[in-house]
Amino acid sequence: MTTGNKVFTNVITHRLIEQATPLDKEVEVYDKSILLSESDKNGVITYTNRRYLKLTGFSEEELIGAPHKLLRHPDMPQGVYKAMSKIVNDKKIWRGYVKHLCKDGSYFWTLTYLQAKLDAEGNIIGFISTGKMAYDESRREVEEKYKELMGEEHIDDPFFMKSESYKEFLSEYTPTPDHS
């Protein structure tokens, strides 16, 4: 494995998994698809449904025990993940658009909901993520915003903490020709 790509260890199989080199090839998420994954407190995948496996191209043996970071597309700004972590660790639901990296380097977008799994005492024991087909117009707008907010200097941008309504926030955050 000498491509320079990130390499992760599956904590169950102890196999090394190299993150794919991104390709300009989008995989379609079907309208009726619900993607589901669960992870432990450290972000290690503990469950995925079959549709998620099929879209990513990984086998269950490869993904269960692998860190969720394996599926992070490099086009996603780090500020998304920082905000996501803060929101779910505050036991709130994070909602936003995520570009996922598949095993072969292709990608797909989802509108994702992420929340903490709690034990009987209210302690976080893991996380549940559900995703569905991203709305094209909103996804394109968010994708442009993500491009603007790449890099460490934007990691704490307030845009990332607005997880409930990207559409409304985009109109507030981005000056229009009438209101610049």
C-alpha atoms as a PDB file:
ATOM      1  CA  MET A   1       0.000   0.000   0.000  1.00  0.00           C
ATOM      2  CA  THR A   2       2.133   2.830  -1.267  1.00  0.00           C
ATOM      3  CA  THR A   3      -0.390   5.177  -2.896  1.00  0.00           C
ATOM      4  CA  GLY A   4      -0.242   7.804  -0.155  1.00  0.00           C
ATOM      5  CA  ASN A   5      -3.903   7.174   0.690  1.00  0.00           C
ATOM      6  CA  LYS A   6      -4.954   6.849   4.316  1.00  0.00           C
ATOM      7  CA  VAL A   7      -4.843   3.335   5.734  1.00  0.00           C
ATOM      8  CA  PHE A   8      -7.174   2.176   8.504  1.00  0.00           C
ATOM      9  CA  THR A   9      -7.234  -0.958  10.640  1.00  0.00           C
ATOM     10  CA  ASN A  10     -10.383  -3.002  11.092  1.00  0.00           C
ATOM     11  CA  VAL A  11     -10.514  -3.609  14.870  1.00  0.00           C
ATOM     12  CA  ILE A  12     -12.235  -6.988  14.439  1.00  0.00           C
ATOM     13  CA  THR A  13     -10.303  -8.588  11.566  1.00  0.00           C
ATOM     14  CA  HIS A  14      -7.098  -6.575  12.141  1.00  0.00           C
ATOM     15  CA  ARG A  15      -6.844  -6.168   8.380  1.00  0.00           C
ATOM     16  CA  LEU A  16      -5.566  -2.943   6.892  1.00  0.00           C
ATOM     17  CA  ILE A  17      -7.970  -1.114   4.584  1.00  0.00           C
ATOM     18  CA  GLU A  18      -6.679   1.547   2.248  1.00  0.00           C
ATOM     19  CA  GLN A  19      -8.990   4.463   1.572  1.00  0.00           C
ATOM     20  CA  ALA A  20      -9.773   4.754  -2.133  1.00  0.00           C
ATOM     21  CA  THR A  21      -8.464   7.449  -4.417  1.00  0.00           C
ATOM     22  CA  PRO A  22     -11.509   9.597  -5.302  1.00  0.00           C
ATOM     23  CA  LEU A  23     -12.908   9.318  -8.812  1.00  0.00           C
ATOM     24  CA  ASP A  24     -15.262  11.686 -10.599  1.00  0.00           C
ATOM     25  CA  LYS A  25     -17.982   9.021 -10.667  1.00  0.00           C
ATOM     26  CA  GLU A  26     -21.241   9.426  -8.770  1.00  0.00           C
ATOM     27  CA  VAL A  27     -23.291   6.433  -7.631  1.00  0.00           C
ATOM     28  CA  GLU A  28     -27.053   6.955  -7.640  1.00  0.00           C
ATOM     29  CA  VAL A  29     -28.942   6.728  -4.372  1.00  0.00           C
ATOM     30  CA  TYR A  30     -32.457   5.586  -5.158  1.00  0.00           C
ATOM     31  CA  ASP A  31     -35.427   7.622  -4.025  1.00  0.00           C
ATOM     32  CA  LYS A  32     -36.795   4.949  -1.707  1.00  0.00           C
ATOM     33  CA  SER A  33     -33.441   3.922  -0.211  1.00  0.00           C
ATOM     34  CA  ILE A  34     -32.791   4.380   3.473  1.00  0.00           C
ATOM     35  CA  LEU A  35     -29.169   3.921   4.438  1.00  0.00           C
ATOM     36  CA  LEU A  36     -28.393   2.945   8.004  1.00  0.00           C
ATOM     37  CA  SER A  37     -25.161   2.614   9.910  1.00  0.00           C
ATOM     38  CA  GLU A  38     -24.284   2.435  13.568  1.00  0.00           C
ATOM     39  CA  SER A  39     -20.959   3.020  15.260  1.00  0.00           C
ATOM     40  CA  ASP A  40     -19.528   2.817  18.749  1.00  0.00           C
ATOM     41  CA  LYS A  41     -18.363   5.890  20.713  1.00  0.00           C
ATOM     42  CA  ASN A  42     -15.048   5.844  18.826  1.00  0.00           C
ATOM     43  CA  GLY A  43     -16.630   5.891  15.381  1.00  0.00           C
ATOM     44  CA  VAL A  44     -16.017   2.207  14.668  1.00  0.00           C
ATOM     45  CA  ILE A  45     -18.801   0.778  12.501  1.00  0.00           C
ATOM     46  CA  THR A  46     -20.890  -1.842  14.326  1.00  0.00           C
ATOM     47  CA  TYR A  47     -23.764  -2.235  11.844  1.00  0.00           C
ATOM     48  CA  THR A  48     -24.811  -1.275   8.318  1.00  0.00           C
ATOM     49  CA  ASN A  49     -27.847  -2.275   6.333  1.00  0.00           C
ATOM     50  CA  ARG A  50     -27.504  -4.097   2.994  1.00  0.00           C
ATOM     51  CA  ARG A  51     -28.267  -1.006   0.928  1.00  0.00           C
ATOM     52  CA  TYR A  52     -25.399   0.875   2.589  1.00  0.00           C
ATOM     53  CA  LEU A  53     -23.043  -2.018   1.886  1.00  0.00           C
ATOM     54  CA  LYS A  54     -24.163  -2.180  -1.743  1.00  0.00           C
ATOM     55  CA  LEU A  55     -23.674   1.552  -2.324  1.00  0.00           C
ATOM     56  CA  THR A  56     -20.237   1.686  -0.702  1.00  0.00           C
ATOM     57  CA  GLY A  57     -19.031  -1.493  -2.396  1.00  0.00           C
ATOM     58  CA  PHE A  58     -17.609  -2.911   0.830  1.00  0.00           C
ATOM     59  CA  SER A  59     -18.481  -6.295   2.263  1.00  0.00           C
ATOM     60  CA  GLU A  60     -19.923  -6.589   5.752  1.00  0.00           C
ATOM     61  CA  GLU A  61     -16.663  -8.199   6.907  1.00  0.00           C
ATOM     62  CA  GLU A  62     -14.699  -5.195   5.641  1.00  0.00           C
ATOM     63  CA  LEU A  63     -16.930  -2.472   7.121  1.00  0.00           C
ATOM     64  CA  ILE A  64     -17.951  -3.903  10.510  1.00  0.00           C
ATOM     65  CA  GLY A  65     -15.022  -3.008  12.748  1.00  0.00           C
ATOM     66  CA  ALA A  66     -13.655  -0.327  10.407  1.00  0.00           C
ATOM     67  CA  PRO A  67     -13.656   3.357  11.363  1.00  0.00           C
ATOM     68  CA  HIS A  68     -16.367   5.467   9.719  1.00  0.00           C
ATOM     69  CA  LYS A  69     -13.550   7.819   8.601  1.00  0.00           C
ATOM     70  CA  LEU A  70     -12.820   5.274   5.878  1.00  0.00           C
ATOM     71  CA  LEU A  71     -15.882   6.597   4.021  1.00  0.00           C
ATOM     72  CA  ARG A  72     -15.027  10.304   4.349  1.00  0.00           C
ATOM     73  CA  HIS A  73     -14.672  11.962   0.981  1.00  0.00           C
ATOM     74  CA  PRO A  74     -11.840  14.520   0.864  1.00  0.00           C
ATOM     75  CA  ASP A  75     -14.267  17.091  -0.627  1.00  0.00           C
ATOM     76  CA  MET A  76     -15.948  17.319   2.785  1.00  0.00           C
ATOM     77  CA  PRO A  77     -14.642  20.191   4.933  1.00  0.00           C
ATOM     78  CA  GLN A  78     -13.344  19.285   8.385  1.00  0.00           C
ATOM     79  CA  GLY A  79     -15.733  21.844   9.876  1.00  0.00           C
ATOM     80  CA  VAL A  80     -18.637  19.533   9.005  1.00  0.00           C
ATOM     81  CA  TYR A  81     -17.189  16.768  11.164  1.00  0.00           C
ATOM     82  CA  LYS A  82     -16.269  19.104  14.019  1.00  0.00           C
ATOM     83  CA  ALA A  83     -19.821  20.505  14.123  1.00  0.00           C
ATOM     84  CA  MET A  84     -21.321  17.037  13.696  1.00  0.00           C
ATOM     85  CA  SER A  85     -19.339  15.769  16.681  1.00  0.00           C
ATOM     86  CA  LYS A  86     -20.293  18.706  18.895  1.00  0.00           C
ATOM     87  CA  ILE A  87     -23.986  18.485  18.039  1.00  0.00           C
ATOM     88  CA  VAL A  88     -24.354  14.716  18.569  1.00  0.00           C
ATOM     89  CA  ASN A  89     -22.224  14.768  21.715  1.00  0.00           C
ATOM     90  CA  ASP A  90     -24.678  17.387  23.027  1.00  0.00           C
ATOM     91  CA  LYS A  91     -27.324  14.678  22.412  1.00  0.00           C
ATOM     92  CA  LYS A  92     -28.941  16.612  19.590  1.00  0.00           C
ATOM     93  CA  ILE A  93     -29.605  15.433  16.051  1.00  0.00           C
ATOM     94  CA  TRP A  94     -27.198  16.564  13.334  1.00  0.00           C
ATOM     95  CA  ARG A  95     -28.749  16.950   9.890  1.00  0.00           C
ATOM     96  CA  GLY A  96     -26.775  17.748   6.789  1.00  0.00           C
ATOM     97  CA  TYR A  97     -25.421  16.737   3.426  1.00  0.00           C
ATOM     98  CA  VAL A  98     -22.578  14.230   3.284  1.00  0.00           C
ATOM     99  CA  LYS A  99     -20.472  13.107   0.342  1.00  0.00           C
ATOM    100  CA  HIS A 100     -19.422   9.489   0.948  1.00  0.00           C
ATOM    101  CA  LEU A 101     -16.392   7.772  -0.576  1.00  0.00           C
ATOM    102  CA  CYS A 102     -16.953   4.256  -1.939  1.00  0.00           C
ATOM    103  CA  LYS A 103     -14.477   1.386  -1.995  1.00  0.00           C
ATOM    104  CA  ASP A 104     -13.728   1.910  -5.701  1.00  0.00           C
ATOM    105  CA  GLY A 105     -13.314   5.708  -5.370  1.00  0.00           C
ATOM    106  CA  SER A 106     -16.768   6.619  -6.638  1.00  0.00           C
ATOM    107  CA  TYR A 107     -19.025   8.687  -4.384  1.00  0.00           C
ATOM    108  CA  PHE A 108     -22.613   9.359  -3.391  1.00  0.00           C
ATOM    109  CA  TRP A 109     -24.402  12.163  -1.564  1.00  0.00           C
ATOM    110  CA  THR A 110     -26.980  11.733   1.167  1.00  0.00           C
ATOM    111  CA  LEU A 111     -29.084  13.911   3.380  1.00  0.00           C
ATOM    112  CA  THR A 112     -27.889  12.440   6.654  1.00  0.00           C
ATOM    113  CA  TYR A 113     -29.311  12.422  10.162  1.00  0.00           C
ATOM    114  CA  LEU A 114     -26.906  11.481  12.955  1.00  0.00           C
ATOM    115  CA  GLN A 115     -27.742  11.052  16.605  1.00  0.00           C
ATOM    116  CA  ALA A 116     -26.306   9.536  19.744  1.00  0.00           C
ATOM    117  CA  LYS A 117     -27.411   6.138  21.053  1.00  0.00           C
ATOM    118  CA  LEU A 118     -27.978   6.345  24.801  1.00  0.00           C
ATOM    119  CA  ASP A 119     -28.001   3.750  27.548  1.00  0.00           C
ATOM    120  CA  ALA A 120     -30.633   3.649  30.305  1.00  0.00           C
ATOM    121  CA  GLU A 121     -28.749   6.326  32.283  1.00  0.00           C
ATOM    122  CA  GLY A 122     -28.527   8.685  29.294  1.00  0.00           C
ATOM    123  CA  ASN A 123     -24.850   8.040  28.568  1.00  0.00           C
ATOM    124  CA  ILE A 124     -23.711   7.975  24.958  1.00  0.00           C
ATOM    125  CA  ILE A 125     -22.843   4.439  23.892  1.00  0.00           C
ATOM    126  CA  GLY A 126     -22.626   4.983  20.144  1.00  0.00           C
ATOM    127  CA  PHE A 127     -24.180   6.713  17.182  1.00  0.00           C
ATOM    128  CA  ILE A 128     -26.877   5.966  14.595  1.00  0.00           C
ATOM    129  CA  SER A 129     -26.797   7.467  11.137  1.00  0.00           C
ATOM    130  CA  THR A 130     -29.598   7.352   8.600  1.00  0.00           C
ATOM    131  CA  GLY A 131     -29.332   8.732   5.123  1.00  0.00           C
ATOM    132  CA  LYS A 132     -31.558   9.187   2.138  1.00  0.00           C
ATOM    133  CA  MET A 133     -31.255  10.559  -1.371  1.00  0.00           C
ATOM    134  CA  ALA A 134     -29.996  14.148  -1.279  1.00  0.00           C
ATOM    135  CA  TYR A 135     -32.220  16.836  -2.757  1.00  0.00           C
ATOM    136  CA  ASP A 136     -30.409  17.930  -5.934  1.00  0.00           C
ATOM    137  CA  GLU A 137     -30.841  21.686  -5.698  1.00  0.00           C
ATOM    138  CA  SER A 138     -29.940  21.881  -2.006  1.00  0.00           C
ATOM    139  CA  ARG A 139     -27.046  19.475  -2.471  1.00  0.00           C
ATOM    140  CA  ARG A 140     -25.578  21.608  -5.267  1.00  0.00           C
ATOM    141  CA  GLU A 141     -25.826  24.729  -3.087  1.00  0.00           C
ATOM    142  CA  VAL A 142     -24.221  22.979  -0.112  1.00  0.00           C
ATOM    143  CA  GLU A 143     -21.515  21.496  -2.327  1.00  0.00           C
ATOM    144  CA  GLU A 144     -20.570  25.014  -3.480  1.00  0.00           C
ATOM    145  CA  LYS A 145     -20.561  26.240   0.117  1.00  0.00           C
ATOM    146  CA  TYR A 146     -18.367  23.306   1.173  1.00  0.00           C
ATOM    147  CA  LYS A 147     -15.859  24.231  -1.544  1.00  0.00           C
ATOM    148  CA  GLU A 148     -15.677  27.767  -0.123  1.00  0.00           C
ATOM    149  CA  LEU A 149     -15.153  26.444   3.409  1.00  0.00           C
ATOM    150  CA  MET A 150     -12.363  23.931   2.843  1.00  0.00           C
ATOM    151  CA  GLY A 151      -9.256  24.336   4.975  1.00  0.00           C
ATOM    152  CA  GLU A 152      -8.376  24.757   8.631  1.00  0.00           C
ATOM    153  CA  GLU A 153      -9.111  28.493   8.587  1.00  0.00           C
ATOM    154  CA  HIS A 154     -12.819  27.714   8.134  1.00  0.00           C
ATOM    155  CA  ILE A 155     -13.169  24.845  10.613  1.00  0.00           C
ATOM    156  CA  ASP A 156     -15.205  26.932  13.075  1.00  0.00           C
ATOM    157  CA  ASP A 157     -17.339  28.710  10.485  1.00  0.00           C
ATOM    158  CA  PRO A 158     -20.906  29.173  11.832  1.00  0.00           C
ATOM    159  CA  PHE A 159     -22.304  27.576   8.677  1.00  0.00           C
ATOM    160  CA  PHE A 160     -21.346  24.142   9.983  1.00  0.00           C
ATOM    161  CA  MET A 161     -23.357  24.516  13.195  1.00  0.00           C
ATOM    162  CA  LYS A 162     -26.567  25.227  11.274  1.00  0.00           C
ATOM    163  CA  SER A 163     -27.538  21.622  10.800  1.00  0.00           C
ATOM    164  CA  GLU A 164     -31.312  21.973  10.723  1.00  0.00           C
ATOM    165  CA  SER A 165     -31.928  24.128   7.664  1.00  0.00           C
ATOM    166  CA  TYR A 166     -29.151  24.564   5.145  1.00  0.00           C
ATOM    167  CA  LYS A 167     -31.573  26.138   2.656  1.00  0.00           C
ATOM    168  CA  GLU A 168     -32.641  28.906   5.043  1.00  0.00           C
ATOM    169  CA  PHE A 169     -29.107  29.424   6.318  1.00  0.00           C
ATOM    170  CA  LEU A 170     -27.696  29.658   2.805  1.00  0.00           C
ATOM    171  CA  SER A 171     -30.047  32.522   2.033  1.00  0.00           C
ATOM    172  CA  GLU A 172     -29.115  34.279   5.316  1.00  0.00           C
ATOM    173  CA  TYR A 173     -25.375  33.601   5.052  1.00  0.00           C
ATOM    174  CA  THR A 174     -24.745  34.304   1.379  1.00  0.00           C
ATOM    175  CA  PRO A 175     -25.368  37.894   0.254  1.00  0.00           C
ATOM    176  CA  THR A 176     -27.661  38.150  -2.748  1.00  0.00           C
ATOM    177  CA  PRO A 177     -27.197  40.813  -5.439  1.00  0.00           C
ATOM    178  CA  ASP A 178     -30.099  42.774  -3.881  1.00  0.00           C
ATOM    179  CA  HIS A 179     -28.713  42.655  -0.332  1.00  0.00           C
ATOM    180  CA  SER A 180     -24.928  42.692  -0.616  1.00  0.00           C
END
